[in-house]
N, C-alpha and C. Protein backbone atom coordinates (compact mmCIF):
# COMPACT_ATOMS: atom_id res chain seq x y z
N MET A 1 -4.45 18.69 13.04
CA MET A 1 -3.61 17.96 12.32
C MET A 1 -3.80 18.09 10.89
N LYS A 2 -3.62 18.88 9.75
CA LYS A 2 -4.47 18.35 8.27
C LYS A 2 -3.90 16.83 7.50
N LYS A 3 -4.87 16.60 6.90
CA LYS A 3 -4.71 15.30 6.72
C LYS A 3 -3.90 16.02 5.20
N VAL A 4 -2.99 14.68 4.84
CA VAL A 4 -2.23 15.04 3.55
C VAL A 4 -2.89 14.18 2.48
N LYS A 5 -3.53 13.12 2.56
CA LYS A 5 -4.04 12.19 1.71
C LYS A 5 -5.44 11.35 2.23
N LEU A 6 -6.08 11.54 1.94
CA LEU A 6 -7.39 10.93 2.18
C LEU A 6 -8.02 9.97 1.93
N PHE A 7 -8.90 9.03 2.53
CA PHE A 7 -9.25 7.96 1.41
C PHE A 7 -10.21 8.38 0.85
N GLU A 8 -10.59 8.32 -0.60
CA GLU A 8 -11.64 8.95 -1.15
C GLU A 8 -12.34 7.28 -1.16
N GLN A 9 -13.81 7.38 -0.98
CA GLN A 9 -14.55 6.15 -0.87
C GLN A 9 -14.92 5.81 -2.71
N ASP A 10 -15.02 6.39 -4.10
CA ASP A 10 -15.42 6.13 -4.71
C ASP A 10 -13.62 5.76 -5.23
N LYS A 11 -12.81 6.23 -4.86
CA LYS A 11 -11.72 6.72 -6.45
C LYS A 11 -10.64 5.74 -4.99
N HIS A 12 -10.81 5.02 -4.09
CA HIS A 12 -9.22 4.16 -3.37
C HIS A 12 -10.22 3.05 -2.84
N SER A 13 -11.29 2.67 -2.73
CA SER A 13 -11.91 1.32 -2.18
C SER A 13 -12.23 0.25 -3.40
N LEU A 14 -11.48 -0.89 -3.16
CA LEU A 14 -11.71 -1.83 -4.41
C LEU A 14 -12.49 -2.68 -4.45
N ASN A 15 -13.55 -2.31 -2.98
CA ASN A 15 -14.74 -3.87 -2.77
C ASN A 15 -14.19 -4.83 -2.68
N TYR A 16 -12.88 -4.62 -1.98
CA TYR A 16 -12.41 -5.98 -1.02
C TYR A 16 -11.72 -5.86 -0.32
N GLU A 17 -12.53 -5.85 0.90
CA GLU A 17 -12.84 -5.90 2.43
C GLU A 17 -10.91 -5.71 2.80
N LYS A 18 -10.50 -7.03 2.60
CA LYS A 18 -9.05 -7.15 3.09
C LYS A 18 -8.29 -5.98 2.60
N MET A 19 -8.55 -5.38 1.62
CA MET A 19 -7.32 -5.46 0.91
C MET A 19 -7.96 -3.72 1.48
N ASP A 20 -8.86 -2.93 1.42
CA ASP A 20 -9.86 -2.22 1.74
C ASP A 20 -8.87 -1.19 3.21
N VAL A 21 -9.18 -2.44 4.25
CA VAL A 21 -9.12 -2.09 5.32
C VAL A 21 -7.24 -1.61 5.20
N LEU A 22 -6.22 -2.61 4.66
CA LEU A 22 -5.23 -1.89 4.74
C LEU A 22 -4.19 -0.86 4.27
N HIS A 23 -5.88 -0.68 3.03
CA HIS A 23 -5.18 1.08 2.62
C HIS A 23 -5.89 1.49 3.77
N ARG A 24 -6.78 1.59 3.89
CA ARG A 24 -7.17 3.01 5.31
C ARG A 24 -5.78 2.48 6.42
N GLU A 25 -5.15 1.67 6.84
CA GLU A 25 -4.96 2.10 7.56
C GLU A 25 -3.30 2.09 7.06
N PHE A 26 -3.00 1.47 5.62
CA PHE A 26 -1.88 3.16 5.24
C PHE A 26 -1.60 4.66 5.40
N LEU A 27 -2.98 4.73 5.10
CA LEU A 27 -3.71 6.30 5.21
C LEU A 27 -3.73 6.55 6.05
N ASP A 28 -4.33 5.51 7.19
CA ASP A 28 -4.37 6.67 8.75
C ASP A 28 -3.03 6.61 9.16
N ILE A 29 -1.98 6.33 8.70
CA ILE A 29 -0.33 5.93 8.91
C ILE A 29 0.08 7.21 8.66
N TYR A 30 -0.05 7.51 7.18
CA TYR A 30 0.42 8.47 6.99
C TYR A 30 -0.05 9.62 6.61
N ASN A 31 -1.28 10.03 7.10
CA ASN A 31 -2.17 11.43 7.84
C ASN A 31 -1.49 11.76 8.13
N SER A 32 -0.99 10.52 9.93
CA SER A 32 0.29 11.48 10.94
C SER A 32 1.08 12.05 10.99
N VAL A 33 1.52 12.30 10.01
CA VAL A 33 2.99 12.58 9.90
C VAL A 33 2.80 14.58 10.28
N ASP A 34 3.20 14.68 11.04
CA ASP A 34 3.28 16.47 10.79
C ASP A 34 4.87 16.79 10.02
N LEU A 35 4.53 17.22 9.33
CA LEU A 35 5.89 17.22 8.17
C LEU A 35 6.05 18.28 8.69
N ASN A 36 6.42 18.99 9.22
CA ASN A 36 6.80 20.44 9.95
C ASN A 36 7.97 20.25 10.92
N SER A 37 7.50 19.34 11.36
CA SER A 37 9.17 17.85 12.40
C SER A 37 9.40 16.84 11.38
N LYS A 38 10.88 17.45 12.10
CA LYS A 38 12.24 16.08 11.48
C LYS A 38 11.75 14.56 11.99
N ASP A 39 11.52 14.78 13.53
CA ASP A 39 11.20 13.77 13.96
C ASP A 39 9.91 12.89 13.47
N SER A 40 8.77 14.21 12.86
CA SER A 40 7.52 12.90 12.93
C SER A 40 7.70 12.53 11.74
N ILE A 41 8.15 12.99 10.81
CA ILE A 41 8.50 12.43 9.55
C ILE A 41 9.05 10.82 9.01
N ASN A 42 10.59 11.16 10.46
CA ASN A 42 11.38 9.61 10.15
C ASN A 42 10.10 8.66 11.33
N SER A 43 10.19 9.03 12.39
CA SER A 43 9.70 8.50 12.90
C SER A 43 7.95 7.58 12.30
N LYS A 44 7.59 8.18 11.81
CA LYS A 44 6.17 7.98 11.10
C LYS A 44 6.16 7.27 9.27
N ALA A 45 7.90 7.46 9.15
CA ALA A 45 8.23 6.27 8.07
C ALA A 45 8.92 5.51 8.28
N MET A 46 9.60 4.99 9.18
CA MET A 46 9.94 3.88 9.95
C MET A 46 8.42 3.30 10.18
N GLU A 47 7.90 3.83 10.63
CA GLU A 47 6.22 3.11 10.48
C GLU A 47 5.60 2.91 10.25
N LEU A 48 5.44 3.36 8.80
CA LEU A 48 5.04 3.41 7.33
C LEU A 48 5.63 2.05 6.28
N LEU A 49 6.92 1.78 7.03
CA LEU A 49 7.70 0.66 6.45
C LEU A 49 7.45 -0.35 6.88
N GLU A 50 6.95 -0.65 8.12
CA GLU A 50 6.53 -1.84 9.45
C GLU A 50 5.72 -2.58 8.43
N HIS A 51 4.32 -1.06 8.92
CA HIS A 51 3.17 -1.35 8.49
C HIS A 51 3.26 -1.84 6.56
N THR A 52 3.81 -1.20 6.06
CA THR A 52 4.00 -1.84 4.09
C THR A 52 4.06 -3.40 4.36
N LYS A 53 5.33 -3.49 5.01
CA LYS A 53 5.61 -4.30 4.94
C LYS A 53 5.26 -5.94 5.16
N LYS A 54 3.76 -5.77 6.36
CA LYS A 54 2.91 -6.73 6.87
C LYS A 54 1.80 -6.70 5.10
N HIS A 55 1.69 -4.99 5.17
CA HIS A 55 0.48 -4.61 4.19
C HIS A 55 0.56 -6.48 3.10
N PHE A 56 1.83 -5.49 2.53
CA PHE A 56 2.32 -6.25 1.21
C PHE A 56 2.18 -7.60 1.37
N ASN A 57 2.85 -8.41 2.54
CA ASN A 57 3.16 -9.93 2.84
C ASN A 57 1.26 -10.34 2.69
N GLU A 58 0.61 -9.76 3.41
CA GLU A 58 -0.98 -9.98 2.97
C GLU A 58 -1.42 -10.03 1.68
N GLU A 59 -1.35 -9.01 1.09
CA GLU A 59 -1.37 -9.27 -0.38
C GLU A 59 -0.75 -10.01 -1.39
N GLU A 60 0.30 -9.94 -0.78
CA GLU A 60 1.12 -11.70 -1.36
C GLU A 60 0.72 -13.15 -1.27
N LYS A 61 0.28 -13.52 0.29
CA LYS A 61 -0.50 -13.97 0.84
C LYS A 61 -1.51 -14.43 -0.82
N LEU A 62 -2.33 -13.91 -0.34
CA LEU A 62 -3.50 -14.16 -1.41
C LEU A 62 -3.19 -14.17 -3.14
N MET A 63 -2.08 -13.47 -2.98
CA MET A 63 -1.63 -13.66 -4.68
C MET A 63 -1.76 -15.13 -4.93
N ASP A 64 -0.73 -15.67 -3.55
CA ASP A 64 -0.06 -17.61 -3.95
C ASP A 64 -1.28 -18.45 -3.82
N ARG A 65 -2.26 -17.86 -2.63
CA ARG A 65 -2.93 -18.78 -2.70
C ARG A 65 -4.24 -19.26 -3.74
N TYR A 66 -4.64 -17.53 -4.47
CA TYR A 66 -5.14 -18.15 -5.88
C TYR A 66 -5.00 -17.96 -7.05
N ASP A 67 -3.14 -18.35 -7.26
CA ASP A 67 -2.24 -18.66 -8.25
C ASP A 67 -2.65 -17.52 -9.03
N TYR A 68 -2.72 -15.85 -8.41
CA TYR A 68 -2.82 -14.97 -9.11
C TYR A 68 -1.82 -14.31 -10.10
N PRO A 69 -1.94 -14.71 -11.37
CA PRO A 69 -1.02 -14.61 -12.72
C PRO A 69 -0.15 -13.23 -13.03
N ARG A 70 -0.50 -12.30 -12.49
CA ARG A 70 0.38 -11.06 -12.19
C ARG A 70 1.28 -10.88 -11.21
N SER A 71 0.84 -11.95 -9.83
CA SER A 71 1.59 -11.56 -8.86
C SER A 71 3.58 -10.89 -8.99
N ARG A 72 3.79 -11.85 -10.54
CA ARG A 72 5.17 -11.49 -9.95
C ARG A 72 5.82 -10.07 -10.06
N GLU A 73 4.67 -9.20 -11.71
CA GLU A 73 4.94 -8.07 -11.61
C GLU A 73 4.59 -7.01 -10.61
N HIS A 74 3.44 -7.68 -9.67
CA HIS A 74 2.89 -6.96 -8.37
C HIS A 74 4.04 -6.99 -7.29
N LYS A 75 4.40 -8.22 -7.02
CA LYS A 75 5.68 -7.91 -6.16
C LYS A 75 6.90 -7.43 -5.95
N GLU A 76 7.15 -7.58 -7.38
CA GLU A 76 8.19 -6.72 -7.68
C GLU A 76 8.18 -5.13 -7.31
N GLU A 77 7.20 -4.37 -7.75
CA GLU A 77 6.40 -3.06 -7.47
C GLU A 77 6.40 -3.01 -5.90
N HIS A 78 6.14 -4.54 -5.18
CA HIS A 78 6.14 -3.85 -3.98
C HIS A 78 8.15 -3.83 -3.60
N ASN A 79 8.33 -5.07 -4.23
CA ASN A 79 9.93 -4.48 -3.09
C ASN A 79 10.25 -3.84 -4.09
N LYS A 80 10.07 -2.70 -4.76
CA LYS A 80 10.81 -1.35 -5.02
C LYS A 80 10.48 -0.28 -4.48
N VAL A 81 8.83 -0.31 -3.86
CA VAL A 81 8.74 1.01 -3.34
C VAL A 81 9.34 0.51 -1.33
N LEU A 82 9.05 -0.84 -1.16
CA LEU A 82 9.63 -0.56 -0.22
C LEU A 82 11.07 -0.71 0.14
N SER A 83 11.98 -0.84 -1.25
CA SER A 83 13.52 -0.26 -0.88
C SER A 83 13.56 1.15 -1.11
N GLU A 84 13.01 1.13 -1.94
CA GLU A 84 12.83 2.77 -1.68
C GLU A 84 12.53 3.72 -0.80
N LEU A 85 11.57 3.28 -0.16
CA LEU A 85 11.45 3.78 1.45
C LEU A 85 12.62 3.69 2.45
N LYS A 86 13.02 2.29 2.53
CA LYS A 86 14.27 2.19 3.43
C LYS A 86 15.45 2.75 3.22
N PHE A 87 15.55 2.98 1.98
CA PHE A 87 17.04 4.05 1.81
C PHE A 87 16.18 5.46 2.14
N PHE A 88 15.89 5.61 1.19
CA PHE A 88 15.41 7.09 2.30
C PHE A 88 15.45 7.17 3.84
N ILE A 89 14.87 6.02 4.44
CA ILE A 89 14.88 6.78 5.62
C ILE A 89 16.37 6.51 6.46
N ASP A 90 16.99 5.61 5.36
CA ASP A 90 18.40 5.22 5.73
C ASP A 90 19.30 6.58 5.56
N LYS A 91 18.85 6.99 4.48
CA LYS A 91 19.92 8.65 4.48
C LYS A 91 19.49 9.63 5.22
N SER A 92 18.74 9.58 5.93
CA SER A 92 17.58 10.97 6.92
C SER A 92 18.98 10.90 7.80
N TYR A 93 19.90 10.98 8.21
CA TYR A 93 20.53 11.90 9.20
C TYR A 93 20.80 12.66 8.97
N SER A 94 21.65 12.75 7.75
CA SER A 94 21.82 14.09 7.41
C SER A 94 20.42 15.32 7.21
N ILE A 95 20.86 16.60 6.90
CA ILE A 95 19.83 17.23 6.36
C ILE A 95 19.49 17.36 4.90
N PHE A 96 20.33 16.98 4.21
CA PHE A 96 19.19 16.11 2.57
C PHE A 96 19.32 15.47 2.86
N GLY A 97 19.69 14.21 3.53
CA GLY A 97 18.53 13.27 3.23
C GLY A 97 17.46 13.25 3.87
N MET A 98 17.08 14.43 4.95
CA MET A 98 16.15 13.98 5.83
C MET A 98 15.39 14.70 4.99
N ASN A 99 16.18 15.56 3.70
CA ASN A 99 15.00 17.18 2.98
C ASN A 99 14.44 15.87 2.30
N ILE A 100 15.08 15.25 1.81
CA ILE A 100 15.09 13.82 0.28
C ILE A 100 13.87 12.74 1.03
N LEU A 101 13.58 12.81 2.29
CA LEU A 101 12.75 11.35 2.51
C LEU A 101 11.77 12.52 2.79
N LYS A 102 11.23 13.64 3.34
CA LYS A 102 10.36 14.83 3.47
C LYS A 102 9.34 14.69 2.21
N SER A 103 10.56 15.05 1.25
CA SER A 103 10.09 14.70 0.02
C SER A 103 9.24 13.62 -1.17
N TYR A 104 9.85 13.10 -0.55
CA TYR A 104 9.71 11.00 -0.60
C TYR A 104 8.44 11.16 -0.42
N PHE A 105 8.15 11.51 0.66
CA PHE A 105 6.82 11.32 1.71
C PHE A 105 5.66 12.03 1.30
N ALA A 106 6.06 13.16 1.01
CA ALA A 106 5.18 13.82 0.51
C ALA A 106 4.57 13.96 -0.53
N GLU A 107 5.23 13.81 -1.64
CA GLU A 107 5.55 13.53 -2.84
C GLU A 107 5.08 12.19 -3.78
N LYS A 108 6.18 12.01 -3.63
CA LYS A 108 6.40 10.75 -4.63
C LYS A 108 5.08 9.31 -3.74
N LEU A 109 5.12 9.89 -2.66
CA LEU A 109 4.07 8.20 -1.83
C LEU A 109 2.86 8.64 -1.87
N PRO A 110 2.29 10.01 -1.90
CA PRO A 110 0.45 9.62 -2.54
C PRO A 110 0.76 9.42 -4.18
N TYR A 111 1.95 9.78 -4.17
CA TYR A 111 1.63 9.56 -5.56
C TYR A 111 1.29 8.29 -6.51
N TRP A 112 1.70 6.88 -6.17
CA TRP A 112 2.73 6.20 -6.14
C TRP A 112 0.72 5.63 -5.33
N PHE A 113 1.01 5.72 -4.49
CA PHE A 113 -0.44 5.02 -3.80
C PHE A 113 -1.60 4.89 -4.33
N ASP A 114 -2.06 6.07 -4.92
CA ASP A 114 -3.15 6.25 -5.83
C ASP A 114 -2.45 5.25 -7.18
N TYR A 115 -1.61 5.41 -7.52
CA TYR A 115 -1.43 4.86 -9.08
C TYR A 115 -1.08 3.60 -9.15
N HIS A 116 -0.71 3.24 -8.08
CA HIS A 116 -0.71 1.05 -7.68
C HIS A 116 -1.94 1.30 -6.77
N LEU A 117 -2.70 2.02 -7.07
CA LEU A 117 -3.88 1.39 -6.17
C LEU A 117 -4.87 1.31 -7.53
N ALA A 118 -5.11 2.10 -8.11
CA ALA A 118 -5.62 2.28 -9.57
C ALA A 118 -5.44 0.54 -10.66
N SER A 119 -4.29 0.68 -10.23
CA SER A 119 -3.80 -0.26 -11.77
C SER A 119 -4.02 -2.22 -10.75
N MET A 120 -2.30 -1.92 -9.72
CA MET A 120 -2.24 -3.48 -9.48
C MET A 120 -3.23 -4.40 -8.88
N ASP A 121 -3.30 -2.78 -8.04
CA ASP A 121 -4.84 -3.22 -6.89
C ASP A 121 -5.87 -3.56 -6.76
N SER A 122 -6.47 -3.27 -7.47
CA SER A 122 -7.51 -2.62 -8.70
C SER A 122 -7.74 -4.19 -9.36
N ASP A 123 -6.63 -4.93 -9.79
CA ASP A 123 -6.43 -5.94 -10.58
C ASP A 123 -6.03 -7.10 -9.58
N LEU A 124 -5.41 -7.45 -8.77
CA LEU A 124 -5.46 -8.27 -7.90
C LEU A 124 -7.18 -8.36 -7.06
N ALA A 125 -7.95 -7.33 -6.82
CA ALA A 125 -9.11 -7.19 -6.56
C ALA A 125 -10.43 -7.60 -7.36
N ALA A 126 -10.46 -7.24 -8.34
CA ALA A 126 -11.19 -8.00 -9.36
C ALA A 126 -10.26 -9.46 -10.09
N TYR A 127 -9.65 -9.90 -9.61
CA TYR A 127 -9.51 -11.12 -9.82
C TYR A 127 -10.05 -12.35 -8.64
N LEU A 128 -9.19 -11.67 -7.06
CA LEU A 128 -9.53 -12.34 -5.99
C LEU A 128 -11.38 -12.74 -6.11
N LYS A 129 -11.76 -11.69 -6.84
CA LYS A 129 -13.46 -11.39 -6.13
C LYS A 129 -13.80 -12.53 -7.70
N ASN A 130 -13.31 -12.95 -8.57
CA ASN A 130 -13.42 -13.39 -9.94
C ASN A 130 -13.47 -14.47 -9.49
N VAL A 131 -12.34 -15.35 -8.75
CA VAL A 131 -12.52 -16.45 -7.92
C VAL A 131 -13.40 -16.52 -7.07
N ASN A 132 -14.04 -16.08 -6.29
CA ASN A 132 -14.86 -16.30 -5.31
C ASN A 132 -15.66 -16.15 -5.77
N LEU A 133 -16.64 -15.86 -6.64
CA LEU A 133 -17.33 -15.53 -7.45
C LEU A 133 -18.33 -17.38 -8.20
N LYS A 134 -16.77 -17.56 -8.61
CA LYS A 134 -16.24 -18.75 -8.73
C LYS A 134 -16.37 -20.17 -8.51
N ARG A 135 -16.16 -19.84 -7.21
CA ARG A 135 -16.23 -20.88 -6.75
C ARG A 135 -17.29 -21.05 -5.31
N THR A 136 -18.43 -19.68 -5.41
CA THR A 136 -19.42 -19.68 -5.02
C THR A 136 -20.33 -20.35 -6.00
N LYS A 137 -19.97 -20.20 -7.24
CA LYS A 137 -21.34 -21.06 -8.65
C LYS A 137 -20.74 -22.36 -8.33
N LYS A 138 -19.39 -22.92 -8.27
CA LYS A 138 -18.95 -24.68 -8.18
C LYS A 138 -20.38 -24.72 -7.24
N GLN A 139 -20.03 -24.10 -5.85
CA GLN A 139 -20.73 -24.92 -4.07
C GLN A 139 -21.95 -25.10 -4.52
N GLN A 140 -22.57 -23.92 -5.45
CA GLN A 140 -24.28 -23.90 -5.50
C GLN A 140 -24.17 -25.27 -6.03
N GLU A 141 -23.60 -24.83 -7.40
CA GLU A 141 -23.78 -26.29 -8.23
C GLU A 141 -24.05 -27.75 -8.05
N VAL A 142 -23.26 -27.69 -7.02
CA VAL A 142 -22.43 -29.62 -6.36
C VAL A 142 -24.18 -29.52 -5.40
N ASN A 143 -24.39 -28.11 -4.09
CA ASN A 143 -25.41 -28.36 -3.64
C ASN A 143 -26.35 -28.65 -4.56
């Protein structure tokens, strides 16, 4: 099966292991779809929805734990994409709805993934790395 969206190290890696693992898992599920099969599209969209809920929950825990200053906007974006994906899955019972889900899955999700990763997730990863660097420096000063 042809992969629809590859994990490109230079483009998708944030050099923050926890987030990079979540993104690879997202793409593994995304790429396991057969876009010529309605059943595959529907089941992979549902699997991706469940994974994405967990994925976003993990990121949001990091935001809360480290007082990420842009968490509100980031969480709103998470809620938006979860709502969209659920909406299109719920409409997939009809031929028209399935075609819309297929289009969303094949066209919108990969664009959204790249944009979200390059803007919001890269900012979060940079913030977390900076927080961890400051903590390491403080620990070294104490010792």
